[in-house]
Amino acid sequence: MSNVNTGLDENARKAVAASLNQTLADTYALYMKTHAYHWNVEGPQFHTLHVMFEEQYREMWAALDEIAERVRALGVYALTSGKEMAKLSAIDDADGEPPAAADMIKRALAGHEELIKRAREALSVAEDAGDAASADLLTVRIQTHEKTAWMLRSMAA
């Protein structure tokens, strides 16, 4: 890692990478939950929710690559196992029987809101380190999850 010479010192890069790995873990957990909801949703809103959850998990799948590659650009390894991700993530697991559709919406919303809060913390770390590229990535992630949360909140109303 000491051969990375991009204007950020090693401690700053490590701190930003750690916060990005946390965002990676949260995104992966929410991706998994959302994908499971896509598979298992039932009820009168089936088609609407099935399509919506698919759009959401596909967007998060693409984001996972962007986040992990940013960690690597900082000279740090991205998380490599589900076990590591589960330890770092604050997103509740979707264990057991799938919830009813209305509860899927509420639980997905809670996951997005938690991810937003933690991504804001990561954004502060990136800004404090002077890492504009990571800050930009995190800003886009926050905007995306805020829009998704708004849509989920509107469906739950």
C-alpha atoms as a PDB file:
ATOM      1  CA  MET A   1       0.000   0.000   0.000  1.00  0.00           C
ATOM      2  CA  SER A   2       2.920   2.373   0.530  1.00  0.00           C
ATOM      3  CA  ASN A   3       3.529   2.676  -3.231  1.00  0.00           C
ATOM      4  CA  VAL A   4       0.199   4.473  -3.813  1.00  0.00           C
ATOM      5  CA  ASN A   5       1.128   8.114  -4.426  1.00  0.00           C
ATOM      6  CA  THR A   6      -2.053  10.035  -5.219  1.00  0.00           C
ATOM      7  CA  GLY A   7      -1.849  12.891  -2.733  1.00  0.00           C
ATOM      8  CA  LEU A   8      -3.564  11.145   0.182  1.00  0.00           C
ATOM      9  CA  ASP A   9      -1.375   9.865   2.969  1.00  0.00           C
ATOM     10  CA  GLU A  10      -1.574   6.220   4.003  1.00  0.00           C
ATOM     11  CA  ASN A  11      -3.641   6.866   7.139  1.00  0.00           C
ATOM     12  CA  ALA A  12      -6.191   8.886   5.182  1.00  0.00           C
ATOM     13  CA  ARG A  13      -6.446   6.208   2.506  1.00  0.00           C
ATOM     14  CA  LYS A  14      -6.905   3.489   5.123  1.00  0.00           C
ATOM     15  CA  ALA A  15      -9.619   5.478   6.927  1.00  0.00           C
ATOM     16  CA  VAL A  16     -11.524   6.223   3.722  1.00  0.00           C
ATOM     17  CA  ALA A  17     -11.172   2.632   2.507  1.00  0.00           C
ATOM     18  CA  ALA A  18     -12.472   1.316   5.835  1.00  0.00           C
ATOM     19  CA  SER A  19     -15.542   3.533   5.624  1.00  0.00           C
ATOM     20  CA  LEU A  20     -16.080   2.523   1.987  1.00  0.00           C
ATOM     21  CA  ASN A  21     -15.816  -1.153   2.954  1.00  0.00           C
ATOM     22  CA  GLN A  22     -18.533  -0.504   5.534  1.00  0.00           C
ATOM     23  CA  THR A  23     -20.692   1.045   2.814  1.00  0.00           C
ATOM     24  CA  LEU A  24     -19.901  -1.961   0.635  1.00  0.00           C
ATOM     25  CA  ALA A  25     -21.057  -4.312   3.401  1.00  0.00           C
ATOM     26  CA  ASP A  26     -24.287  -2.369   3.972  1.00  0.00           C
ATOM     27  CA  THR A  27     -24.992  -2.222   0.240  1.00  0.00           C
ATOM     28  CA  TYR A  28     -24.400  -5.954  -0.151  1.00  0.00           C
ATOM     29  CA  ALA A  29     -26.707  -6.806   2.748  1.00  0.00           C
ATOM     30  CA  LEU A  30     -29.463  -4.560   1.388  1.00  0.00           C
ATOM     31  CA  TYR A  31     -28.904  -5.947  -2.106  1.00  0.00           C
ATOM     32  CA  MET A  32     -29.399  -9.502  -0.787  1.00  0.00           C
ATOM     33  CA  LYS A  33     -32.524  -8.536   1.157  1.00  0.00           C
ATOM     34  CA  THR A  34     -34.016  -6.691  -1.817  1.00  0.00           C
ATOM     35  CA  HIS A  35     -33.262  -9.560  -4.193  1.00  0.00           C
ATOM     36  CA  ALA A  36     -34.962 -11.991  -1.808  1.00  0.00           C
ATOM     37  CA  TYR A  37     -37.990  -9.697  -1.641  1.00  0.00           C
ATOM     38  CA  HIS A  38     -38.096  -9.669  -5.441  1.00  0.00           C
ATOM     39  CA  TRP A  39     -38.231 -13.471  -5.477  1.00  0.00           C
ATOM     40  CA  ASN A  40     -40.743 -13.882  -2.668  1.00  0.00           C
ATOM     41  CA  VAL A  41     -43.206 -11.007  -2.848  1.00  0.00           C
ATOM     42  CA  GLU A  42     -46.883 -11.988  -3.019  1.00  0.00           C
ATOM     43  CA  GLY A  43     -50.223 -10.268  -3.006  1.00  0.00           C
ATOM     44  CA  PRO A  44     -52.193  -7.712  -5.000  1.00  0.00           C
ATOM     45  CA  GLN A  45     -49.139  -5.489  -5.502  1.00  0.00           C
ATOM     46  CA  PHE A  46     -47.046  -8.415  -6.753  1.00  0.00           C
ATOM     47  CA  HIS A  47     -46.152  -7.067 -10.180  1.00  0.00           C
ATOM     48  CA  THR A  48     -45.423  -3.520  -9.016  1.00  0.00           C
ATOM     49  CA  LEU A  49     -43.237  -4.672  -6.119  1.00  0.00           C
ATOM     50  CA  HIS A  50     -41.560  -7.454  -8.098  1.00  0.00           C
ATOM     51  CA  VAL A  51     -40.460  -4.947 -10.757  1.00  0.00           C
ATOM     52  CA  MET A  52     -39.531  -2.261  -8.224  1.00  0.00           C
ATOM     53  CA  PHE A  53     -37.383  -4.610  -6.144  1.00  0.00           C
ATOM     54  CA  GLU A  54     -35.657  -5.806  -9.325  1.00  0.00           C
ATOM     55  CA  GLU A  55     -34.793  -2.239 -10.324  1.00  0.00           C
ATOM     56  CA  GLN A  56     -33.435  -1.615  -6.844  1.00  0.00           C
ATOM     57  CA  TYR A  57     -31.299  -4.755  -6.567  1.00  0.00           C
ATOM     58  CA  ARG A  58     -29.867  -4.269 -10.067  1.00  0.00           C
ATOM     59  CA  GLU A  59     -28.845  -0.721  -9.205  1.00  0.00           C
ATOM     60  CA  MET A  60     -27.173  -1.876  -5.984  1.00  0.00           C
ATOM     61  CA  TRP A  61     -25.408  -4.733  -7.802  1.00  0.00           C
ATOM     62  CA  ALA A  62     -23.728  -2.201 -10.101  1.00  0.00           C
ATOM     63  CA  ALA A  63     -22.896   0.045  -7.137  1.00  0.00           C
ATOM     64  CA  LEU A  64     -21.119  -2.801  -5.350  1.00  0.00           C
ATOM     65  CA  ASP A  65     -18.525  -2.913  -8.111  1.00  0.00           C
ATOM     66  CA  GLU A  66     -18.007   0.859  -8.044  1.00  0.00           C
ATOM     67  CA  ILE A  67     -17.531   0.906  -4.280  1.00  0.00           C
ATOM     68  CA  ALA A  68     -15.156  -2.083  -4.233  1.00  0.00           C
ATOM     69  CA  GLU A  69     -13.091  -0.674  -7.086  1.00  0.00           C
ATOM     70  CA  ARG A  70     -12.777   2.643  -5.264  1.00  0.00           C
ATOM     71  CA  VAL A  71     -11.433   0.770  -2.216  1.00  0.00           C
ATOM     72  CA  ARG A  72      -8.884  -0.903  -4.483  1.00  0.00           C
ATOM     73  CA  ALA A  73      -7.917   2.441  -6.054  1.00  0.00           C
ATOM     74  CA  LEU A  74      -7.022   3.575  -2.540  1.00  0.00           C
ATOM     75  CA  GLY A  75      -4.579   0.662  -2.290  1.00  0.00           C
ATOM     76  CA  VAL A  76      -6.668  -1.391   0.131  1.00  0.00           C
ATOM     77  CA  TYR A  77      -8.399  -4.724  -0.415  1.00  0.00           C
ATOM     78  CA  ALA A  78     -12.168  -4.748  -0.733  1.00  0.00           C
ATOM     79  CA  LEU A  79     -14.076  -7.174   1.476  1.00  0.00           C
ATOM     80  CA  THR A  80     -13.814 -10.722   0.211  1.00  0.00           C
ATOM     81  CA  SER A  81     -16.429 -12.749   2.069  1.00  0.00           C
ATOM     82  CA  GLY A  82     -20.028 -12.672   3.110  1.00  0.00           C
ATOM     83  CA  LYS A  83     -18.860 -13.309   6.660  1.00  0.00           C
ATOM     84  CA  GLU A  84     -16.782 -10.106   6.646  1.00  0.00           C
ATOM     85  CA  MET A  85     -19.660  -8.176   5.142  1.00  0.00           C
ATOM     86  CA  ALA A  86     -22.131  -9.495   7.699  1.00  0.00           C
ATOM     87  CA  LYS A  87     -19.820  -8.401  10.537  1.00  0.00           C
ATOM     88  CA  LEU A  88     -19.536  -4.858   9.170  1.00  0.00           C
ATOM     89  CA  SER A  89     -23.116  -4.326   8.020  1.00  0.00           C
ATOM     90  CA  ALA A  90     -25.778  -2.603  10.095  1.00  0.00           C
ATOM     91  CA  ILE A  91     -28.575  -3.815   7.796  1.00  0.00           C
ATOM     92  CA  ASP A  92     -30.854  -6.411   9.408  1.00  0.00           C
ATOM     93  CA  ASP A  93     -30.817  -9.859   7.858  1.00  0.00           C
ATOM     94  CA  ALA A  94     -33.861 -11.182   6.051  1.00  0.00           C
ATOM     95  CA  ASP A  95     -33.826 -14.551   7.821  1.00  0.00           C
ATOM     96  CA  GLY A  96     -36.807 -16.853   8.087  1.00  0.00           C
ATOM     97  CA  GLU A  97     -40.075 -16.719   6.245  1.00  0.00           C
ATOM     98  CA  PRO A  98     -40.463 -13.797   3.871  1.00  0.00           C
ATOM     99  CA  PRO A  99     -42.549 -10.992   5.375  1.00  0.00           C
ATOM    100  CA  ALA A 100     -45.823  -9.798   3.898  1.00  0.00           C
ATOM    101  CA  ALA A 101     -45.502  -7.302   1.063  1.00  0.00           C
ATOM    102  CA  ALA A 102     -46.287  -4.285   3.281  1.00  0.00           C
ATOM    103  CA  ASP A 103     -43.588  -5.370   5.721  1.00  0.00           C
ATOM    104  CA  MET A 104     -41.126  -5.858   2.860  1.00  0.00           C
ATOM    105  CA  ILE A 105     -41.647  -2.216   1.964  1.00  0.00           C
ATOM    106  CA  LYS A 106     -41.136  -1.096   5.575  1.00  0.00           C
ATOM    107  CA  ARG A 107     -38.045  -3.256   6.060  1.00  0.00           C
ATOM    108  CA  ALA A 108     -36.522  -2.186   2.747  1.00  0.00           C
ATOM    109  CA  LEU A 109     -37.156   1.438   3.728  1.00  0.00           C
ATOM    110  CA  ALA A 110     -35.449   0.900   7.096  1.00  0.00           C
ATOM    111  CA  GLY A 111     -32.469  -0.628   5.298  1.00  0.00           C
ATOM    112  CA  HIS A 112     -32.137   2.297   2.908  1.00  0.00           C
ATOM    113  CA  GLU A 113     -32.419   4.799   5.746  1.00  0.00           C
ATOM    114  CA  GLU A 114     -29.716   2.996   7.738  1.00  0.00           C
ATOM    115  CA  LEU A 115     -27.472   2.858   4.699  1.00  0.00           C
ATOM    116  CA  ILE A 116     -27.983   6.585   4.104  1.00  0.00           C
ATOM    117  CA  LYS A 117     -26.982   7.442   7.688  1.00  0.00           C
ATOM    118  CA  ARG A 118     -23.848   5.313   7.534  1.00  0.00           C
ATOM    119  CA  ALA A 119     -22.917   6.550   4.060  1.00  0.00           C
ATOM    120  CA  ARG A 120     -23.111  10.102   5.434  1.00  0.00           C
ATOM    121  CA  GLU A 121     -20.559   9.094   8.080  1.00  0.00           C
ATOM    122  CA  ALA A 122     -18.328   7.658   5.342  1.00  0.00           C
ATOM    123  CA  LEU A 123     -18.769  10.872   3.359  1.00  0.00           C
ATOM    124  CA  SER A 124     -17.481  12.876   6.333  1.00  0.00           C
ATOM    125  CA  VAL A 125     -14.407  10.634   6.518  1.00  0.00           C
ATOM    126  CA  ALA A 126     -13.748  11.124   2.795  1.00  0.00           C
ATOM    127  CA  GLU A 127     -14.237  14.886   3.025  1.00  0.00           C
ATOM    128  CA  ASP A 128     -11.973  15.153   6.086  1.00  0.00           C
ATOM    129  CA  ALA A 129      -9.295  13.217   4.169  1.00  0.00           C
ATOM    130  CA  GLY A 130      -9.634  15.495   1.141  1.00  0.00           C
ATOM    131  CA  ASP A 131     -10.674  12.536  -1.023  1.00  0.00           C
ATOM    132  CA  ALA A 132     -12.996  14.153  -3.570  1.00  0.00           C
ATOM    133  CA  ALA A 133     -13.386  10.984  -5.650  1.00  0.00           C
ATOM    134  CA  SER A 134     -14.660   8.931  -2.714  1.00  0.00           C
ATOM    135  CA  ALA A 135     -16.821  11.852  -1.565  1.00  0.00           C
ATOM    136  CA  ASP A 136     -18.389  12.070  -5.034  1.00  0.00           C
ATOM    137  CA  LEU A 137     -19.104   8.334  -5.085  1.00  0.00           C
ATOM    138  CA  LEU A 138     -20.683   8.481  -1.634  1.00  0.00           C
ATOM    139  CA  THR A 139     -22.747  11.555  -2.546  1.00  0.00           C
ATOM    140  CA  VAL A 140     -24.244   9.668  -5.491  1.00  0.00           C
ATOM    141  CA  ARG A 141     -24.934   6.653  -3.267  1.00  0.00           C
ATOM    142  CA  ILE A 142     -26.690   8.849  -0.710  1.00  0.00           C
ATOM    143  CA  GLN A 143     -28.789  10.542  -3.411  1.00  0.00           C
ATOM    144  CA  THR A 144     -29.770   7.186  -4.906  1.00  0.00           C
ATOM    145  CA  HIS A 145     -30.786   5.684  -1.560  1.00  0.00           C
ATOM    146  CA  GLU A 146     -32.654   8.841  -0.535  1.00  0.00           C
ATOM    147  CA  LYS A 147     -34.707   8.686  -3.734  1.00  0.00           C
ATOM    148  CA  THR A 148     -35.406   4.993  -3.188  1.00  0.00           C
ATOM    149  CA  ALA A 149     -36.391   5.654   0.431  1.00  0.00           C
ATOM    150  CA  TRP A 150     -38.775   8.392  -0.694  1.00  0.00           C
ATOM    151  CA  MET A 151     -40.413   5.991  -3.160  1.00  0.00           C
ATOM    152  CA  LEU A 152     -40.726   3.243  -0.535  1.00  0.00           C
ATOM    153  CA  ARG A 153     -42.086   5.744   1.999  1.00  0.00           C
ATOM    154  CA  SER A 154     -44.679   6.833  -0.574  1.00  0.00           C
ATOM    155  CA  MET A 155     -45.761   3.242  -1.133  1.00  0.00           C
ATOM    156  CA  ALA A 156     -46.082   2.613   2.613  1.00  0.00           C
ATOM    157  CA  ALA A 157     -48.281   5.672   3.167  1.00  0.00           C
END
